[in-house]
């Protein structure tokens, strides 16, 4: 079905069939939107399988579409809203920093691990900290002492 377009004519407004170039542009835009919707469906399936949080931003990032597309395209918006609603009762796996003890550096380190799909449990994290922190403090103290001794101040 070809849409009708309103165009200004000498006699006022009239309804005409779109020009062939316009019809081709409309068809190309519809095909592009269909491809984007397919990518949105794929990303939603992936988020569901990974039990990740379903948000407009996450879907837009994963499907390489704009958030405006997701909000304005009715079918895309319904898909995201339905997926978010169905995932609302599930345990979401993308929150490692919520239960992480420690400083901002710890939160950033855990986030980077999560982005690379690497898990580090609290025991491993604690053991690593118990080894590296004292060694770093000792090395820093010795370096400062050596500099002060060398300079003579």
N, C-alpha and C. Protein backbone atom coordinates (compact mmCIF):
# COMPACT_ATOMS: atom_id res chain seq x y z
N UNK A 1 0.84 -1.18 0.00
CA UNK A 1 0.00 0.00 0.00
C UNK A 1 0.89 1.24 0.00
N UNK A 2 0.67 2.12 -0.94
CA UNK A 2 1.48 3.33 -1.06
C UNK A 2 0.77 4.47 -0.35
N UNK A 3 1.49 5.20 0.51
CA UNK A 3 0.85 6.28 1.24
C UNK A 3 0.55 7.47 0.33
N UNK A 4 -0.44 8.22 0.72
CA UNK A 4 -0.78 9.44 0.00
C UNK A 4 -0.05 10.60 0.66
N UNK A 5 0.38 11.53 -0.15
CA UNK A 5 1.07 12.71 0.37
C UNK A 5 0.29 13.94 -0.02
N UNK A 6 0.23 14.88 0.87
CA UNK A 6 -0.45 16.14 0.60
C UNK A 6 0.57 17.11 0.06
N UNK A 7 0.26 17.71 -1.09
CA UNK A 7 1.17 18.63 -1.73
C UNK A 7 0.43 19.92 -2.09
N UNK A 8 1.13 21.02 -2.00
CA UNK A 8 0.55 22.30 -2.36
C UNK A 8 0.41 22.39 -3.87
N UNK A 9 -0.77 22.75 -4.34
CA UNK A 9 -1.00 22.96 -5.78
C UNK A 9 -1.60 24.33 -5.97
N UNK A 10 -1.77 24.75 -7.23
CA UNK A 10 -2.33 26.07 -7.51
C UNK A 10 -3.73 26.21 -6.95
N UNK A 11 -4.47 25.15 -6.97
CA UNK A 11 -5.84 25.22 -6.50
C UNK A 11 -5.98 25.01 -5.01
N UNK A 12 -4.90 24.86 -4.29
CA UNK A 12 -4.98 24.60 -2.85
C UNK A 12 -4.27 23.29 -2.54
N UNK A 13 -4.76 22.61 -1.53
CA UNK A 13 -4.15 21.33 -1.18
C UNK A 13 -4.79 20.23 -2.01
N UNK A 14 -3.99 19.30 -2.44
CA UNK A 14 -4.50 18.16 -3.19
C UNK A 14 -3.75 16.92 -2.76
N UNK A 15 -4.33 15.76 -2.97
CA UNK A 15 -3.69 14.51 -2.61
C UNK A 15 -3.19 13.85 -3.88
N UNK A 16 -1.90 13.51 -3.85
CA UNK A 16 -1.29 12.86 -5.01
C UNK A 16 -0.51 11.65 -4.56
N UNK A 17 -0.16 10.81 -5.48
CA UNK A 17 0.70 9.66 -5.18
C UNK A 17 2.13 10.17 -5.05
N UNK A 18 2.93 9.58 -4.21
CA UNK A 18 4.30 10.04 -4.06
C UNK A 18 5.09 9.80 -5.34
N UNK A 19 6.07 10.65 -5.54
CA UNK A 19 6.94 10.49 -6.70
C UNK A 19 7.75 9.22 -6.50
N UNK A 20 8.27 8.64 -7.59
CA UNK A 20 9.01 7.37 -7.45
C UNK A 20 10.20 7.46 -6.49
N UNK A 21 10.92 8.59 -6.48
CA UNK A 21 12.06 8.72 -5.57
C UNK A 21 11.59 8.77 -4.13
N UNK A 22 10.48 9.45 -3.89
CA UNK A 22 9.93 9.53 -2.54
C UNK A 22 9.47 8.15 -2.08
N UNK A 23 8.80 7.44 -2.97
CA UNK A 23 8.34 6.09 -2.63
C UNK A 23 9.52 5.18 -2.32
N UNK A 24 10.60 5.32 -3.07
CA UNK A 24 11.78 4.51 -2.82
C UNK A 24 12.40 4.86 -1.46
N UNK A 25 12.41 6.15 -1.12
CA UNK A 25 12.95 6.57 0.17
C UNK A 25 12.11 6.03 1.31
N UNK A 26 10.78 6.08 1.14
CA UNK A 26 9.89 5.56 2.18
C UNK A 26 10.10 4.06 2.35
N UNK A 27 10.23 3.35 1.26
CA UNK A 27 10.46 1.91 1.31
C UNK A 27 11.79 1.59 1.99
N UNK A 28 12.84 2.35 1.64
CA UNK A 28 14.15 2.13 2.25
C UNK A 28 14.10 2.39 3.76
N UNK A 29 13.37 3.43 4.16
CA UNK A 29 13.26 3.75 5.58
C UNK A 29 12.51 2.65 6.33
N UNK A 30 11.48 2.12 5.72
CA UNK A 30 10.74 1.02 6.36
C UNK A 30 11.60 -0.22 6.50
N UNK A 31 12.40 -0.50 5.47
CA UNK A 31 13.29 -1.67 5.54
C UNK A 31 14.35 -1.48 6.62
N UNK A 32 14.89 -0.25 6.72
CA UNK A 32 15.89 0.04 7.75
C UNK A 32 15.27 -0.12 9.15
N UNK A 33 14.04 0.35 9.30
CA UNK A 33 13.36 0.23 10.60
C UNK A 33 13.13 -1.25 10.93
N UNK A 34 12.79 -2.06 9.92
CA UNK A 34 12.58 -3.49 10.16
C UNK A 34 13.88 -4.16 10.59
N UNK A 35 15.00 -3.78 9.98
CA UNK A 35 16.30 -4.33 10.37
C UNK A 35 16.63 -3.93 11.80
N UNK A 36 16.37 -2.66 12.16
CA UNK A 36 16.64 -2.20 13.52
C UNK A 36 15.76 -2.94 14.52
N UNK A 37 14.50 -3.19 14.18
CA UNK A 37 13.62 -3.95 15.07
C UNK A 37 14.13 -5.37 15.28
N UNK A 38 14.67 -5.98 14.22
CA UNK A 38 15.24 -7.32 14.35
C UNK A 38 16.44 -7.30 15.31
N UNK A 39 17.26 -6.27 15.22
CA UNK A 39 18.40 -6.15 16.13
C UNK A 39 17.92 -5.96 17.57
N UNK A 40 16.85 -5.18 17.75
CA UNK A 40 16.29 -4.98 19.08
C UNK A 40 15.81 -6.31 19.65
N UNK A 41 15.11 -7.10 18.83
CA UNK A 41 14.64 -8.42 19.29
C UNK A 41 15.81 -9.32 19.68
N UNK A 42 16.88 -9.30 18.86
CA UNK A 42 18.06 -10.12 19.16
C UNK A 42 18.69 -9.71 20.49
N UNK A 43 18.83 -8.42 20.71
CA UNK A 43 19.45 -7.93 21.95
C UNK A 43 18.57 -8.27 23.14
N UNK A 44 17.27 -8.14 23.00
CA UNK A 44 16.37 -8.48 24.11
C UNK A 44 16.50 -9.96 24.45
N UNK A 45 16.61 -10.81 23.44
CA UNK A 45 16.81 -12.23 23.70
C UNK A 45 18.12 -12.50 24.41
N UNK A 46 19.16 -11.80 24.00
CA UNK A 46 20.46 -11.96 24.64
C UNK A 46 20.42 -11.49 26.09
N UNK A 47 19.80 -10.33 26.34
CA UNK A 47 19.69 -9.82 27.72
C UNK A 47 18.89 -10.80 28.59
N UNK A 48 17.86 -11.38 28.01
CA UNK A 48 17.05 -12.35 28.75
C UNK A 48 17.88 -13.58 29.11
N UNK A 49 18.65 -14.09 28.13
CA UNK A 49 19.47 -15.27 28.38
C UNK A 49 20.54 -15.00 29.43
N UNK A 50 21.11 -13.79 29.40
CA UNK A 50 22.17 -13.43 30.34
C UNK A 50 21.61 -12.97 31.69
N UNK A 51 20.30 -12.84 31.76
CA UNK A 51 19.63 -12.35 32.96
C UNK A 51 20.16 -10.97 33.35
N UNK A 52 20.39 -10.14 32.34
CA UNK A 52 20.88 -8.78 32.55
C UNK A 52 19.70 -7.83 32.64
N UNK A 53 19.98 -6.66 33.15
CA UNK A 53 18.95 -5.64 33.30
C UNK A 53 18.49 -5.17 31.92
N UNK A 54 17.18 -5.08 31.74
CA UNK A 54 16.60 -4.62 30.48
C UNK A 54 16.21 -3.15 30.65
N UNK A 55 16.97 -2.27 30.03
CA UNK A 55 16.67 -0.85 30.03
C UNK A 55 16.72 -0.33 28.60
N UNK A 56 16.11 0.83 28.38
CA UNK A 56 16.16 1.41 27.04
C UNK A 56 17.60 1.69 26.63
N UNK A 57 18.41 2.17 27.56
CA UNK A 57 19.81 2.48 27.25
C UNK A 57 20.58 1.22 26.88
N UNK A 58 20.39 0.13 27.63
CA UNK A 58 21.10 -1.11 27.35
C UNK A 58 20.69 -1.68 26.00
N UNK A 59 19.40 -1.64 25.69
CA UNK A 59 18.93 -2.16 24.41
C UNK A 59 19.45 -1.29 23.27
N UNK A 60 19.40 0.02 23.43
CA UNK A 60 19.89 0.93 22.38
C UNK A 60 21.36 0.68 22.12
N UNK A 61 22.15 0.52 23.19
CA UNK A 61 23.58 0.27 23.04
C UNK A 61 23.83 -1.06 22.33
N UNK A 62 23.15 -2.09 22.77
CA UNK A 62 23.37 -3.41 22.20
C UNK A 62 22.89 -3.55 20.76
N UNK A 63 21.79 -2.90 20.42
CA UNK A 63 21.22 -3.02 19.08
C UNK A 63 21.75 -1.95 18.13
N UNK A 64 22.56 -1.04 18.64
CA UNK A 64 23.11 0.06 17.84
C UNK A 64 22.00 0.89 17.20
N UNK A 65 21.02 1.24 18.04
CA UNK A 65 19.94 2.14 17.62
C UNK A 65 19.87 3.27 18.64
N UNK A 66 19.19 4.34 18.27
CA UNK A 66 19.06 5.45 19.21
C UNK A 66 17.94 5.17 20.20
N UNK A 67 18.03 5.79 21.36
CA UNK A 67 16.94 5.66 22.33
C UNK A 67 15.69 6.31 21.78
N UNK A 68 15.86 7.35 20.96
CA UNK A 68 14.71 8.01 20.34
C UNK A 68 13.95 7.00 19.48
N UNK A 69 14.67 6.17 18.74
CA UNK A 69 14.02 5.13 17.93
C UNK A 69 13.20 4.22 18.82
N UNK A 70 13.78 3.81 19.95
CA UNK A 70 13.06 2.89 20.84
C UNK A 70 11.81 3.53 21.44
N UNK A 71 11.90 4.80 21.78
CA UNK A 71 10.75 5.47 22.38
C UNK A 71 9.68 5.81 21.34
N UNK A 72 10.09 6.22 20.14
CA UNK A 72 9.12 6.69 19.16
C UNK A 72 8.52 5.58 18.31
N UNK A 73 9.25 4.52 18.09
CA UNK A 73 8.72 3.40 17.31
C UNK A 73 7.89 2.54 18.25
N UNK A 74 6.57 2.54 18.03
CA UNK A 74 5.65 1.89 18.96
C UNK A 74 5.98 0.44 19.24
N UNK A 75 6.29 -0.31 18.19
CA UNK A 75 6.57 -1.73 18.38
C UNK A 75 7.85 -1.94 19.21
N UNK A 76 8.88 -1.13 18.94
CA UNK A 76 10.13 -1.24 19.69
C UNK A 76 9.90 -0.91 21.15
N UNK A 77 9.14 0.13 21.41
CA UNK A 77 8.86 0.53 22.79
C UNK A 77 8.12 -0.57 23.53
N UNK A 78 7.13 -1.17 22.88
CA UNK A 78 6.38 -2.26 23.52
C UNK A 78 7.29 -3.46 23.81
N UNK A 79 8.17 -3.78 22.86
CA UNK A 79 9.08 -4.91 23.07
C UNK A 79 9.96 -4.68 24.30
N UNK A 80 10.53 -3.48 24.42
CA UNK A 80 11.42 -3.19 25.55
C UNK A 80 10.63 -3.16 26.85
N UNK A 81 9.48 -2.51 26.85
CA UNK A 81 8.67 -2.43 28.07
C UNK A 81 8.22 -3.81 28.52
N UNK A 82 7.79 -4.65 27.57
CA UNK A 82 7.36 -6.01 27.93
C UNK A 82 8.51 -6.83 28.48
N UNK A 83 9.69 -6.71 27.86
CA UNK A 83 10.85 -7.46 28.34
C UNK A 83 11.27 -6.98 29.72
N UNK A 84 11.24 -5.68 29.94
CA UNK A 84 11.61 -5.13 31.26
C UNK A 84 10.62 -5.59 32.32
N UNK A 85 9.35 -5.61 31.97
CA UNK A 85 8.32 -6.04 32.92
C UNK A 85 8.45 -7.52 33.25
N UNK A 86 8.73 -8.35 32.24
CA UNK A 86 8.85 -9.78 32.51
C UNK A 86 10.13 -10.11 33.28
N UNK A 87 11.16 -9.26 33.13
CA UNK A 87 12.41 -9.48 33.86
C UNK A 87 12.40 -8.85 35.24
N UNK A 88 11.35 -8.11 35.57
CA UNK A 88 11.32 -7.38 36.84
C UNK A 88 11.41 -8.30 38.05
N UNK A 89 10.84 -9.48 37.97
CA UNK A 89 10.84 -10.38 39.11
C UNK A 89 12.06 -11.28 39.17
N UNK A 90 12.93 -11.21 38.16
CA UNK A 90 14.09 -12.09 38.13
C UNK A 90 15.27 -11.47 38.85
N UNK A 91 16.18 -12.33 39.27
CA UNK A 91 17.42 -11.85 39.86
C UNK A 91 18.30 -11.35 38.74
N UNK A 92 18.79 -10.15 38.89
CA UNK A 92 19.60 -9.53 37.84
C UNK A 92 21.06 -9.74 38.17
N UNK A 93 21.84 -10.14 37.19
CA UNK A 93 23.23 -10.50 37.44
C UNK A 93 24.19 -9.32 37.28
N UNK A 94 23.75 -8.19 36.76
CA UNK A 94 24.70 -7.12 36.47
C UNK A 94 24.87 -6.12 37.60
N UNK A 95 24.80 -6.56 38.84
CA UNK A 95 24.95 -5.66 39.97
C UNK A 95 26.09 -6.10 40.90
N UNK A 96 27.27 -6.37 40.42
CA UNK A 96 28.30 -6.84 41.35
C UNK A 96 28.73 -5.78 42.33
N UNK A 97 28.63 -4.51 41.95
CA UNK A 97 29.11 -3.46 42.83
C UNK A 97 28.16 -3.16 43.99
N UNK A 98 26.94 -3.67 43.96
CA UNK A 98 25.98 -3.36 45.01
C UNK A 98 26.39 -3.97 46.35
N UNK A 99 26.99 -5.16 46.32
CA UNK A 99 27.33 -5.84 47.57
C UNK A 99 28.84 -5.88 47.80
N UNK A 100 29.58 -5.03 47.10
CA UNK A 100 31.03 -5.05 47.20
C UNK A 100 31.50 -4.14 48.32
N UNK A 101 32.26 -4.68 49.27
CA UNK A 101 32.79 -3.82 50.32
C UNK A 101 33.98 -3.03 49.78
N UNK A 102 34.23 -1.88 50.36
CA UNK A 102 35.46 -1.18 50.03
C UNK A 102 35.28 0.17 49.39
N UNK A 103 36.33 0.61 48.76
CA UNK A 103 36.44 1.97 48.27
C UNK A 103 35.97 2.10 46.82
N UNK A 104 36.09 3.31 46.32
CA UNK A 104 35.76 3.57 44.93
C UNK A 104 36.66 2.76 44.01
N UNK A 105 37.93 2.63 44.35
CA UNK A 105 38.85 1.84 43.53
C UNK A 105 38.36 0.39 43.44
N UNK A 106 37.85 -0.14 44.54
CA UNK A 106 37.32 -1.49 44.54
C UNK A 106 36.11 -1.60 43.62
N UNK A 107 35.23 -0.63 43.71
CA UNK A 107 34.05 -0.65 42.86
C UNK A 107 34.43 -0.60 41.39
N UNK A 108 35.39 0.26 41.04
CA UNK A 108 35.82 0.36 39.65
C UNK A 108 36.48 -0.93 39.18
N UNK A 109 37.32 -1.51 40.02
CA UNK A 109 37.99 -2.75 39.67
C UNK A 109 36.98 -3.87 39.44
N UNK A 110 35.99 -3.98 40.32
CA UNK A 110 34.96 -5.02 40.16
C UNK A 110 34.12 -4.78 38.92
N UNK A 111 33.85 -3.52 38.61
CA UNK A 111 33.07 -3.21 37.41
C UNK A 111 33.82 -3.61 36.15
N UNK A 112 35.12 -3.35 36.11
CA UNK A 112 35.93 -3.74 34.95
C UNK A 112 35.94 -5.26 34.81
N UNK A 113 36.08 -5.97 35.92
CA UNK A 113 36.01 -7.43 35.87
C UNK A 113 34.68 -7.91 35.30
N UNK A 114 33.61 -7.28 35.74
CA UNK A 114 32.27 -7.67 35.27
C UNK A 114 32.12 -7.40 33.77
N UNK A 115 32.65 -6.28 33.29
CA UNK A 115 32.55 -5.95 31.87
C UNK A 115 33.27 -6.97 31.01
N UNK A 116 34.31 -7.60 31.56
CA UNK A 116 35.05 -8.61 30.82
C UNK A 116 34.59 -10.03 31.17
N UNK A 117 33.40 -10.13 31.75
CA UNK A 117 32.80 -11.42 32.12
C UNK A 117 33.74 -12.28 32.96
N UNK A 118 34.42 -11.65 33.90
CA UNK A 118 35.31 -12.36 34.82
C UNK A 118 34.72 -12.23 36.21
N UNK A 119 34.65 -13.35 36.90
CA UNK A 119 34.10 -13.35 38.25
C UNK A 119 35.23 -13.43 39.27
N UNK A 120 35.14 -12.64 40.33
CA UNK A 120 36.08 -12.71 41.44
C UNK A 120 35.26 -12.70 42.72
N UNK A 121 35.26 -13.81 43.42
CA UNK A 121 34.47 -13.86 44.65
C UNK A 121 35.15 -13.07 45.76
N UNK A 122 34.44 -12.85 46.81
CA UNK A 122 34.93 -12.02 47.91
C UNK A 122 36.19 -12.60 48.54
N UNK A 123 36.28 -13.92 48.66
CA UNK A 123 37.47 -14.56 49.24
C UNK A 123 38.71 -14.29 48.41
N UNK A 124 38.58 -14.46 47.09
CA UNK A 124 39.72 -14.20 46.19
C UNK A 124 40.12 -12.73 46.25
N UNK A 125 39.15 -11.86 46.26
CA UNK A 125 39.40 -10.43 46.35
C UNK A 125 40.13 -10.08 47.64
N UNK A 126 39.70 -10.66 48.75
CA UNK A 126 40.31 -10.38 50.06
C UNK A 126 41.75 -10.90 50.10
N UNK A 127 41.97 -12.13 49.62
CA UNK A 127 43.33 -12.68 49.61
C UNK A 127 44.26 -11.82 48.76
N UNK A 128 43.79 -11.39 47.62
CA UNK A 128 44.60 -10.54 46.74
C UNK A 128 44.94 -9.23 47.44
N UNK A 129 43.97 -8.65 48.14
CA UNK A 129 44.22 -7.42 48.88
C UNK A 129 45.19 -7.61 50.02
N UNK A 130 45.09 -8.73 50.73
CA UNK A 130 45.99 -9.00 51.85
C UNK A 130 47.43 -9.18 51.40
N UNK A 131 47.64 -9.62 50.18
CA UNK A 131 48.99 -9.79 49.66
C UNK A 131 49.53 -8.49 49.08
N UNK A 132 48.73 -7.79 48.30
CA UNK A 132 49.24 -6.63 47.56
C UNK A 132 49.33 -5.36 48.39
N UNK A 133 48.40 -5.12 49.29
CA UNK A 133 48.40 -3.86 50.05
C UNK A 133 49.61 -3.76 50.97
N UNK A 134 49.90 -4.75 51.82
CA UNK A 134 51.10 -4.62 52.66
C UNK A 134 52.39 -4.51 51.84
N UNK A 135 52.48 -5.28 50.76
CA UNK A 135 53.69 -5.22 49.92
C UNK A 135 53.85 -3.83 49.31
N UNK A 136 52.78 -3.24 48.85
CA UNK A 136 52.83 -1.90 48.27
C UNK A 136 53.19 -0.86 49.32
N UNK A 137 52.59 -0.96 50.51
CA UNK A 137 52.91 -0.03 51.59
C UNK A 137 54.38 -0.14 52.00
N UNK A 138 54.88 -1.35 52.10
CA UNK A 138 56.27 -1.56 52.48
C UNK A 138 57.21 -0.98 51.41
N UNK A 139 56.94 -1.27 50.16
CA UNK A 139 57.78 -0.75 49.07
C UNK A 139 57.75 0.77 49.04
N UNK A 140 56.58 1.37 49.22
CA UNK A 140 56.46 2.83 49.21
C UNK A 140 57.21 3.45 50.38
N UNK A 141 57.10 2.85 51.57
CA UNK A 141 57.78 3.37 52.75
C UNK A 141 59.29 3.29 52.58
N UNK A 142 59.79 2.18 52.08
CA UNK A 142 61.23 2.02 51.85
C UNK A 142 61.70 3.03 50.80
N UNK A 143 60.93 3.25 49.74
CA UNK A 143 61.30 4.22 48.72
C UNK A 143 61.35 5.63 49.30
N UNK A 144 60.38 6.01 50.10
CA UNK A 144 60.39 7.33 50.73
C UNK A 144 61.57 7.48 51.69
N UNK A 145 61.82 6.45 52.51
CA UNK A 145 62.94 6.49 53.43
C UNK A 145 64.26 6.64 52.67
N UNK A 146 64.38 5.89 51.56
CA UNK A 146 65.60 5.96 50.75
C UNK A 146 65.79 7.34 50.15
N UNK A 147 64.71 7.95 49.66
CA UNK A 147 64.81 9.30 49.09
C UNK A 147 65.19 10.32 50.16
N UNK A 148 64.59 10.23 51.33
CA UNK A 148 64.91 11.16 52.42
C UNK A 148 66.36 10.97 52.88
N UNK A 149 66.81 9.72 52.95
CA UNK A 149 68.17 9.44 53.37
C UNK A 149 69.18 9.94 52.32
N UNK A 150 68.84 9.79 51.05
CA UNK A 150 69.73 10.23 49.97
C UNK A 150 69.82 11.75 49.92
N UNK A 151 68.67 12.41 50.00
CA UNK A 151 68.64 13.87 49.92
C UNK A 151 69.23 14.47 51.20
N UNK A 152 69.03 13.84 52.32
CA UNK A 152 69.58 14.31 53.57
C UNK A 152 68.69 15.27 54.31
N UNK A 153 67.45 15.32 54.01
CA UNK A 153 66.55 16.22 54.70
C UNK A 153 65.85 15.53 55.82
